[in-house]
Protein backbone atom coordinates (compact mmCIF):
# COMPACT_ATOMS: atom_id res chain seq x y z
CA MET A 1 8.40 -10.71 -2.37
CA LYS A 2 6.72 -10.80 -5.76
CA GLU A 3 7.61 -8.09 -8.24
CA SER A 4 3.93 -7.17 -8.56
CA ASP A 5 3.72 -6.60 -4.78
CA ILE A 6 6.79 -4.37 -4.93
CA THR A 7 5.16 -2.30 -7.66
CA LYS A 8 1.91 -1.97 -5.67
CA LEU A 9 3.75 -1.02 -2.46
CA SER A 10 5.69 1.65 -4.36
CA ALA A 11 2.45 3.11 -5.70
CA ILE A 12 0.84 3.01 -2.23
CA LEU A 13 3.88 4.79 -0.81
CA SER A 14 3.57 7.46 -3.50
CA TYR A 15 -0.08 8.07 -2.59
CA CYS A 16 0.88 8.27 1.10
CA ASN A 17 3.47 10.91 0.19
CA ILE A 18 0.87 12.87 -1.78
CA ILE A 19 -1.49 12.79 1.22
CA ASN A 20 1.35 14.09 3.42
CA SER A 21 1.97 16.92 0.95
CA LEU A 22 -1.72 17.77 0.88
CA MET A 23 -1.84 17.89 4.67
CA LYS A 24 1.15 20.25 4.71
CA ARG A 25 -0.52 22.43 2.11
CA PHE A 26 -4.07 22.47 3.51
CA GLY A 27 -3.51 21.58 7.18
CA ASN A 28 -5.19 18.89 9.21
CA SER A 29 -8.21 20.85 10.37
CA LEU A 30 -11.63 19.26 10.10
CA ASP A 31 -13.06 22.69 9.25
CA ILE A 32 -10.73 23.02 6.26
CA LEU A 33 -11.51 19.48 5.11
CA TYR A 34 -15.27 20.17 5.33
CA ASN A 35 -15.06 23.44 3.43
CA ASP A 36 -12.47 22.79 0.74
CA THR A 37 -13.79 20.58 -2.03
CA ALA A 38 -10.40 20.39 -3.74
CA TYR A 39 -8.87 19.03 -0.51
CA GLN A 40 -11.71 16.52 -0.08
CA LEU A 41 -11.42 15.24 -3.62
CA SER A 42 -7.63 15.08 -3.56
CA ILE A 43 -7.55 13.09 -0.33
CA SER A 44 -10.40 10.85 -1.47
CA PHE A 45 -8.67 10.17 -4.78
CA CYS A 46 -5.50 9.06 -2.98
CA LEU A 47 -7.37 6.89 -0.47
CA GLU A 48 -9.38 5.28 -3.26
CA HIS A 49 -6.24 4.45 -5.20
CA ILE A 50 -4.47 3.12 -2.12
CA GLY A 51 -7.41 0.75 -1.65
CA GLU A 52 -7.28 -0.22 -5.31
CA LYS A 53 -3.57 -1.05 -5.13
CA ILE A 54 -4.10 -3.03 -1.92
CA LYS A 55 -6.83 -5.06 -3.64
CA LEU A 56 -4.19 -6.09 -6.18
CA LEU A 57 -1.58 -7.28 -3.67
CA SER A 58 -0.99 -11.02 -3.72
CA PRO A 59 -3.08 -13.07 -1.27
CA GLU A 60 0.16 -14.46 0.18
CA PHE A 61 1.51 -11.01 0.95
CA MET A 62 -1.74 -9.90 2.54
CA LYS A 63 -1.95 -13.05 4.66
CA GLN A 64 1.65 -12.62 5.86
CA ASN A 65 0.99 -9.03 6.91
CA GLU A 66 -2.68 -8.96 7.92
CA LYS A 67 -1.84 -8.51 11.62
CA ARG A 68 0.04 -5.29 10.86
CA ILE A 69 -2.16 -3.66 8.23
CA PRO A 70 -5.98 -3.85 8.08
CA PHE A 71 -6.16 -4.62 4.36
CA LYS A 72 -9.87 -5.44 4.36
CA GLN A 73 -10.77 -2.17 6.06
CA ILE A 74 -8.72 -0.20 3.55
CA ILE A 75 -10.44 -1.99 0.67
CA ASP A 76 -13.83 -1.35 2.30
CA LEU A 77 -12.98 2.36 2.56
CA ARG A 78 -12.00 2.36 -1.10
CA ASN A 79 -15.35 0.82 -2.03
CA ARG A 80 -17.22 3.35 0.08
CA ILE A 81 -15.39 6.26 -1.54
CA ALA A 82 -15.92 4.85 -5.03
CA HIS A 83 -19.55 3.80 -4.68
CA ASP A 84 -21.10 5.81 -1.85
CA TYR A 85 -19.14 9.06 -1.67
CA ALA A 86 -22.04 10.99 -0.12
CA SER A 87 -21.87 8.84 3.02
CA ILE A 88 -18.22 9.59 3.78
CA GLU A 89 -17.62 10.92 7.28
CA PHE A 90 -14.88 13.52 7.09
CA GLU A 91 -14.06 13.07 10.79
CA LEU A 92 -13.07 9.49 9.93
CA ILE A 93 -11.12 10.61 6.86
CA LEU A 94 -9.18 13.12 8.98
CA GLU A 95 -8.35 10.40 11.53
CA ILE A 96 -7.20 8.07 8.75
CA ILE A 97 -4.91 10.60 7.10
CA THR A 98 -3.56 11.80 10.46
CA TYR A 99 -2.95 8.46 12.19
CA ASP A 100 -3.27 5.55 9.76
CA ILE A 101 -1.49 6.86 6.67
CA PRO A 102 1.81 7.35 8.57
CA VAL A 103 1.60 3.71 9.73
CA LEU A 104 0.90 2.49 6.19
CA GLU A 105 3.70 4.68 4.84
CA ALA A 106 6.21 3.26 7.35
CA PHE A 107 5.07 -0.29 6.55
CA CYS A 108 5.57 0.24 2.80
CA LYS A 109 9.01 1.77 3.32
CA GLU A 110 10.02 -1.12 5.57
CA LYS A 111 8.88 -3.78 3.10
CA LEU A 112 10.50 -2.02 0.14
CA ASP A 113 13.74 -1.59 2.12
CA GLU A 114 13.69 -5.27 3.12
CA ASN A 115 13.25 -6.24 -0.49
CA GLN A 116 16.06 -3.98 -1.62
CA THR A 117 18.37 -5.48 1.02
CA HIS A 118 17.33 -8.97 -0.10
CA GLU A 119 18.05 -8.07 -3.74
CA VAL A 120 21.48 -6.69 -2.83
CA ARG A 121 22.30 -9.91 -0.97
CA ASN A 122 21.10 -12.00 -3.90
CA ASP A 123 23.14 -9.90 -6.32
CA ALA A 124 26.24 -10.37 -4.19
CA LEU A 125 25.62 -14.10 -3.99
CA SER A 126 25.11 -14.46 -7.72
CA ALA A 127 28.27 -12.46 -8.40
CA THR A 128 30.37 -14.89 -6.39
CA THR A 129 28.57 -18.19 -6.94
CA THR A 130 27.62 -20.10 -10.03
CA VAL A 131 24.28 -21.79 -9.56
CA THR A 132 23.16 -24.57 -11.84
CA PRO A 133 19.38 -24.61 -12.15
CA ALA A 134 17.58 -27.78 -11.15
CA PRO A 135 15.84 -29.67 -13.94
CA THR A 136 12.21 -28.74 -14.40
CA PRO A 137 9.91 -31.61 -13.43
CA SER A 138 7.42 -32.69 -16.07
CA LYS A 139 4.54 -32.55 -13.58
CA PRO A 140 4.20 -31.12 -10.08
CA LYS A 141 5.03 -33.38 -7.15
CA PHE A 142 2.54 -31.71 -4.84
CA LYS A 143 -0.45 -29.39 -5.02
CA PRO A 144 -0.31 -26.03 -3.21
């Protein structure tokens, strides 16, 4: 996994954790969400930034994981929050933070754990094996 994807997933996970903290603090009642502007703005801020970080994930990462996470829908939600806030349906926001954020959080943890395990294996390999780098070709042999 690319280092930039790891950084984005870490940030997404942090925003998921903030949403979880907000839900513990404010509750998951639609009535509270409708009537507490601070709660609305805090949740919206996190969802907007999750969408922003997802927009910055590598195309390869998104393609590999598109069946598990609806990246386009998350980006669309981000755009709606950023550019058409008045049209946000708080019923939908409550569903997202109640059901979808835990799925996204688990996905990020899984991918970050996989990467950490991969790094540990690579560190162990490099500690026991000397690898001579291949010569760099002067021009590519194929086009991606």
